[in-house]
């Protein structure tokens, strides 16, 4: 383990932040679960100083909360927060899909096809972790090809909370095959360069994901 006097100046700090972010987004810790410094030091193989810096960063991103007398815990998204995120996500994703259909270059379409093929295979296997990871790549590719960097940046700001909600919606047994069907509709519309169908399919997908995730959150919070 690195020495305790390590300073949080360097790429090491970024590595610690990335590792902590990835660990939380992977679902290793449950919403509301307390994060213990000693456990994180061992898990991430970094010093206490770097753990504290990483915790500050992911707190700023909304992934954890600092609770008085408890310390850091994994953030719990409220029903109302989830509703707001899904509303904004639907608008942004419909718009990037419209832009992609209109402006994507052939290399973007190639990357999207490769990603979608891998995503579909993971979903058919029932591999939720891989489906979540490839969904990120799927949307990153659409954002890169949509021709509007501001839209992509706005979506990235929501990214961490979208991943937490995607994991929530996919915890429902029927949601994985439904997700694959909806993403197939988006992909086919993008491949056909049909901007109206792409935007409509993207909005439908987000609304269906919202319906499922909000049902799960309602049950958890009552």
Protein backbone atom coordinates (compact mmCIF):
# COMPACT_ATOMS: atom_id res chain seq x y z
CA UNK A 1 0.00 0.00 0.00
CA UNK A 2 1.34 3.49 -0.75
CA UNK A 3 2.93 5.37 2.13
CA UNK A 4 0.63 7.44 4.30
CA UNK A 5 2.45 10.69 3.42
CA UNK A 6 1.50 10.50 -0.28
CA UNK A 7 0.21 13.82 -1.55
CA UNK A 8 -2.93 13.91 -3.66
CA UNK A 9 -1.25 15.84 -6.44
CA UNK A 10 -0.83 13.58 -9.35
CA UNK A 11 -2.26 11.02 -11.65
CA UNK A 12 -2.52 8.86 -8.50
CA UNK A 13 -5.34 11.09 -7.27
CA UNK A 14 -7.19 10.75 -10.58
CA UNK A 15 -6.66 6.99 -10.51
CA UNK A 16 -8.10 6.83 -7.00
CA UNK A 17 -11.09 8.98 -8.04
CA UNK A 18 -11.74 6.82 -11.12
CA UNK A 19 -11.43 3.58 -9.14
CA UNK A 20 -13.81 4.81 -6.41
CA UNK A 21 -16.32 6.10 -8.98
CA UNK A 22 -16.22 2.81 -10.87
CA UNK A 23 -16.64 0.80 -7.67
CA UNK A 24 -19.73 2.77 -6.63
CA UNK A 25 -21.27 2.67 -10.11
CA UNK A 26 -20.65 -1.10 -10.31
CA UNK A 27 -23.17 -1.60 -7.50
CA UNK A 28 -20.63 -3.08 -5.07
CA UNK A 29 -22.01 -0.74 -2.39
CA UNK A 30 -25.75 -0.35 -1.94
CA UNK A 31 -27.53 3.04 -1.81
CA UNK A 32 -27.29 4.34 1.76
CA UNK A 33 -24.37 2.04 2.65
CA UNK A 34 -21.61 3.61 4.75
CA UNK A 35 -18.15 3.83 3.15
CA UNK A 36 -15.34 3.09 5.61
CA UNK A 37 -11.95 4.69 4.98
CA UNK A 38 -9.93 1.62 5.99
CA UNK A 39 -11.96 -0.65 3.71
CA UNK A 40 -11.57 1.79 0.80
CA UNK A 41 -7.81 2.06 1.39
CA UNK A 42 -7.51 -1.72 1.08
CA UNK A 43 -9.96 -2.00 -1.79
CA UNK A 44 -8.37 0.77 -3.89
CA UNK A 45 -4.81 0.14 -2.62
CA UNK A 46 -4.18 3.81 -1.90
CA UNK A 47 -3.40 6.01 1.12
CA UNK A 48 -5.91 7.63 3.46
CA UNK A 49 -5.09 11.04 1.92
CA UNK A 50 -5.99 9.80 -1.56
CA UNK A 51 -9.17 8.12 -0.31
CA UNK A 52 -10.30 11.39 1.26
CA UNK A 53 -9.55 13.35 -1.92
CA UNK A 54 -11.47 10.78 -3.99
CA UNK A 55 -14.43 10.93 -1.59
CA UNK A 56 -14.55 14.73 -1.92
CA UNK A 57 -14.62 14.45 -5.72
CA UNK A 58 -17.38 11.84 -5.93
CA UNK A 59 -19.39 13.81 -3.34
CA UNK A 60 -19.23 16.81 -5.71
CA UNK A 61 -20.55 14.52 -8.48
CA UNK A 62 -23.53 13.46 -6.36
CA UNK A 63 -22.46 9.83 -5.90
CA UNK A 64 -22.04 10.00 -2.13
CA UNK A 65 -23.35 12.12 0.72
CA UNK A 66 -21.56 13.06 3.94
CA UNK A 67 -23.96 12.35 6.81
CA UNK A 68 -23.25 13.95 10.23
CA UNK A 69 -22.05 11.36 12.76
CA UNK A 70 -21.94 8.67 10.04
CA UNK A 71 -19.52 9.92 7.44
CA UNK A 72 -19.71 9.13 3.72
CA UNK A 73 -22.57 6.97 2.43
CA UNK A 74 -23.59 6.02 -1.10
CA UNK A 75 -26.17 8.52 -2.33
CA UNK A 76 -29.81 7.52 -2.30
CA UNK A 77 -31.76 9.10 -5.14
CA UNK A 78 -35.22 10.18 -4.08
CA UNK A 79 -38.28 9.48 -6.18
CA UNK A 80 -38.54 13.20 -7.01
CA UNK A 81 -34.86 13.47 -8.03
CA UNK A 82 -35.23 10.41 -10.26
CA UNK A 83 -38.29 11.92 -11.95
CA UNK A 84 -36.35 15.11 -12.70
CA UNK A 85 -33.32 13.23 -14.03
CA UNK A 86 -35.46 11.08 -16.34
CA UNK A 87 -37.28 14.14 -17.67
CA UNK A 88 -34.03 15.89 -18.58
CA UNK A 89 -32.44 12.67 -19.85
CA UNK A 90 -35.37 12.04 -22.22
CA UNK A 91 -35.02 15.49 -23.79
CA UNK A 92 -31.23 15.24 -24.17
CA UNK A 93 -31.12 11.68 -25.51
CA UNK A 94 -33.92 12.31 -28.01
CA UNK A 95 -31.98 15.34 -29.27
CA UNK A 96 -28.60 13.58 -29.58
CA UNK A 97 -30.27 10.72 -31.47
CA UNK A 98 -31.88 13.22 -33.86
CA UNK A 99 -28.52 14.92 -34.38
CA UNK A 100 -26.73 11.61 -34.92
CA UNK A 101 -29.22 10.54 -37.59
CA UNK A 102 -28.65 13.83 -39.40
CA UNK A 103 -24.90 14.36 -38.98
CA UNK A 104 -23.00 11.22 -37.93
CA UNK A 105 -20.04 10.22 -40.07
CA UNK A 106 -19.48 6.70 -41.32
CA UNK A 107 -16.90 5.94 -38.61
CA UNK A 108 -19.44 6.86 -35.91
CA UNK A 109 -21.97 4.52 -37.52
CA UNK A 110 -19.37 1.73 -37.66
CA UNK A 111 -18.53 2.14 -33.97
CA UNK A 112 -22.22 2.25 -33.08
CA UNK A 113 -22.89 -0.98 -35.01
CA UNK A 114 -20.01 -2.80 -33.30
CA UNK A 115 -21.14 -1.56 -29.88
CA UNK A 116 -24.77 -2.44 -30.46
CA UNK A 117 -23.88 -5.98 -31.60
CA UNK A 118 -21.89 -6.53 -28.38
CA UNK A 119 -24.65 -4.94 -26.27
CA UNK A 120 -27.32 -7.15 -27.83
CA UNK A 121 -25.23 -10.26 -27.19
CA UNK A 122 -24.71 -9.27 -23.52
CA UNK A 123 -28.43 -8.56 -23.04
CA UNK A 124 -29.40 -11.93 -24.57
CA UNK A 125 -26.99 -13.64 -22.15
CA UNK A 126 -28.68 -11.84 -19.27
CA UNK A 127 -25.42 -10.06 -18.38
CA UNK A 128 -26.66 -6.88 -16.68
CA UNK A 129 -23.16 -5.55 -15.83
CA UNK A 130 -21.96 -5.79 -19.42
CA UNK A 131 -25.23 -4.38 -20.76
CA UNK A 132 -24.92 -1.33 -18.48
CA UNK A 133 -21.29 -0.79 -19.53
CA UNK A 134 -22.06 -1.13 -23.25
CA UNK A 135 -25.11 1.15 -22.92
CA UNK A 136 -22.67 3.84 -21.78
CA UNK A 137 -20.52 3.26 -24.86
CA UNK A 138 -23.62 3.20 -27.08
CA UNK A 139 -24.75 6.63 -25.87
CA UNK A 140 -21.19 8.04 -25.82
CA UNK A 141 -20.92 7.13 -29.51
CA UNK A 142 -24.25 8.77 -30.33
CA UNK A 143 -23.19 11.91 -28.41
CA UNK A 144 -19.86 11.99 -30.27
CA UNK A 145 -21.61 11.77 -33.65
CA UNK A 146 -24.53 14.11 -32.98
CA UNK A 147 -22.62 17.23 -34.03
CA UNK A 148 -23.40 19.20 -30.87
CA UNK A 149 -20.71 19.15 -28.18
CA UNK A 150 -22.82 21.11 -25.70
CA UNK A 151 -25.52 18.43 -25.75
CA UNK A 152 -22.89 15.76 -25.12
CA UNK A 153 -21.43 17.74 -22.21
CA UNK A 154 -24.86 18.22 -20.64
CA UNK A 155 -25.54 14.49 -20.84
CA UNK A 156 -22.13 13.69 -19.33
CA UNK A 157 -22.97 15.87 -16.30
CA UNK A 158 -25.91 13.56 -15.61
CA UNK A 159 -23.94 10.41 -16.42
CA UNK A 160 -23.27 9.04 -12.93
CA UNK A 161 -26.86 9.38 -11.78
CA UNK A 162 -28.12 7.91 -15.06
CA UNK A 163 -25.94 4.83 -14.46
CA UNK A 164 -27.33 4.45 -10.92
CA UNK A 165 -30.88 4.68 -12.28
CA UNK A 166 -30.12 2.33 -15.19
CA UNK A 167 -28.94 -0.24 -12.66
CA UNK A 168 -32.17 0.35 -10.67
CA UNK A 169 -34.43 -0.15 -13.69
CA UNK A 170 -32.52 -3.25 -14.84
CA UNK A 171 -33.00 -4.82 -11.39
CA UNK A 172 -36.57 -5.58 -12.51
CA UNK A 173 -36.60 -9.09 -14.08
CA UNK A 174 -38.48 -8.16 -17.26
CA UNK A 175 -36.54 -4.99 -17.98
CA UNK A 176 -33.48 -6.44 -19.77
CA UNK A 177 -35.36 -7.91 -22.78
CA UNK A 178 -37.50 -4.75 -22.95
CA UNK A 179 -34.34 -2.62 -22.94
CA UNK A 180 -32.86 -4.64 -25.79
CA UNK A 181 -36.04 -4.24 -27.84
CA UNK A 182 -36.11 -0.46 -27.25
CA UNK A 183 -32.40 0.03 -28.03
CA UNK A 184 -32.89 -2.03 -31.20
CA UNK A 185 -35.58 0.44 -32.29
CA UNK A 186 -33.19 3.34 -31.67
CA UNK A 187 -30.34 1.61 -33.51
CA UNK A 188 -32.47 0.71 -36.54
CA UNK A 189 -33.75 4.30 -36.81
CA UNK A 190 -30.20 5.69 -36.57
CA UNK A 191 -28.94 3.22 -39.17
CA UNK A 192 -31.77 4.32 -41.49
CA UNK A 193 -30.90 8.00 -40.82
CA UNK A 194 -34.51 8.57 -39.79
CA UNK A 195 -34.17 11.47 -37.34
CA UNK A 196 -37.87 11.61 -36.40
CA UNK A 197 -38.04 7.88 -35.62
CA UNK A 198 -34.71 8.01 -33.74
CA UNK A 199 -35.84 10.85 -31.49
CA UNK A 200 -39.19 9.19 -30.85
CA UNK A 201 -37.59 5.81 -30.06
CA UNK A 202 -35.08 7.43 -27.68
CA UNK A 203 -37.82 9.27 -25.79
CA UNK A 204 -39.94 6.09 -25.57
CA UNK A 205 -36.96 4.15 -24.19
CA UNK A 206 -36.28 6.71 -21.45
CA UNK A 207 -39.96 6.84 -20.48
CA UNK A 208 -40.13 3.05 -20.19
CA UNK A 209 -36.93 2.98 -18.12
CA UNK A 210 -38.36 5.73 -15.90
CA UNK A 211 -41.60 3.81 -15.38
CA UNK A 212 -39.69 0.72 -14.18
CA UNK A 213 -37.09 2.54 -12.05
CA UNK A 214 -39.71 4.71 -10.36
CA UNK A 215 -41.76 1.63 -9.47
CA UNK A 216 -38.64 0.08 -7.86
CA UNK A 217 -37.84 3.31 -5.98
CA UNK A 218 -41.43 3.62 -4.75
CA UNK A 219 -41.26 0.10 -3.29
CA UNK A 220 -37.82 0.72 -1.71
CA UNK A 221 -38.87 3.99 -0.11
CA UNK A 222 -42.08 2.66 1.48
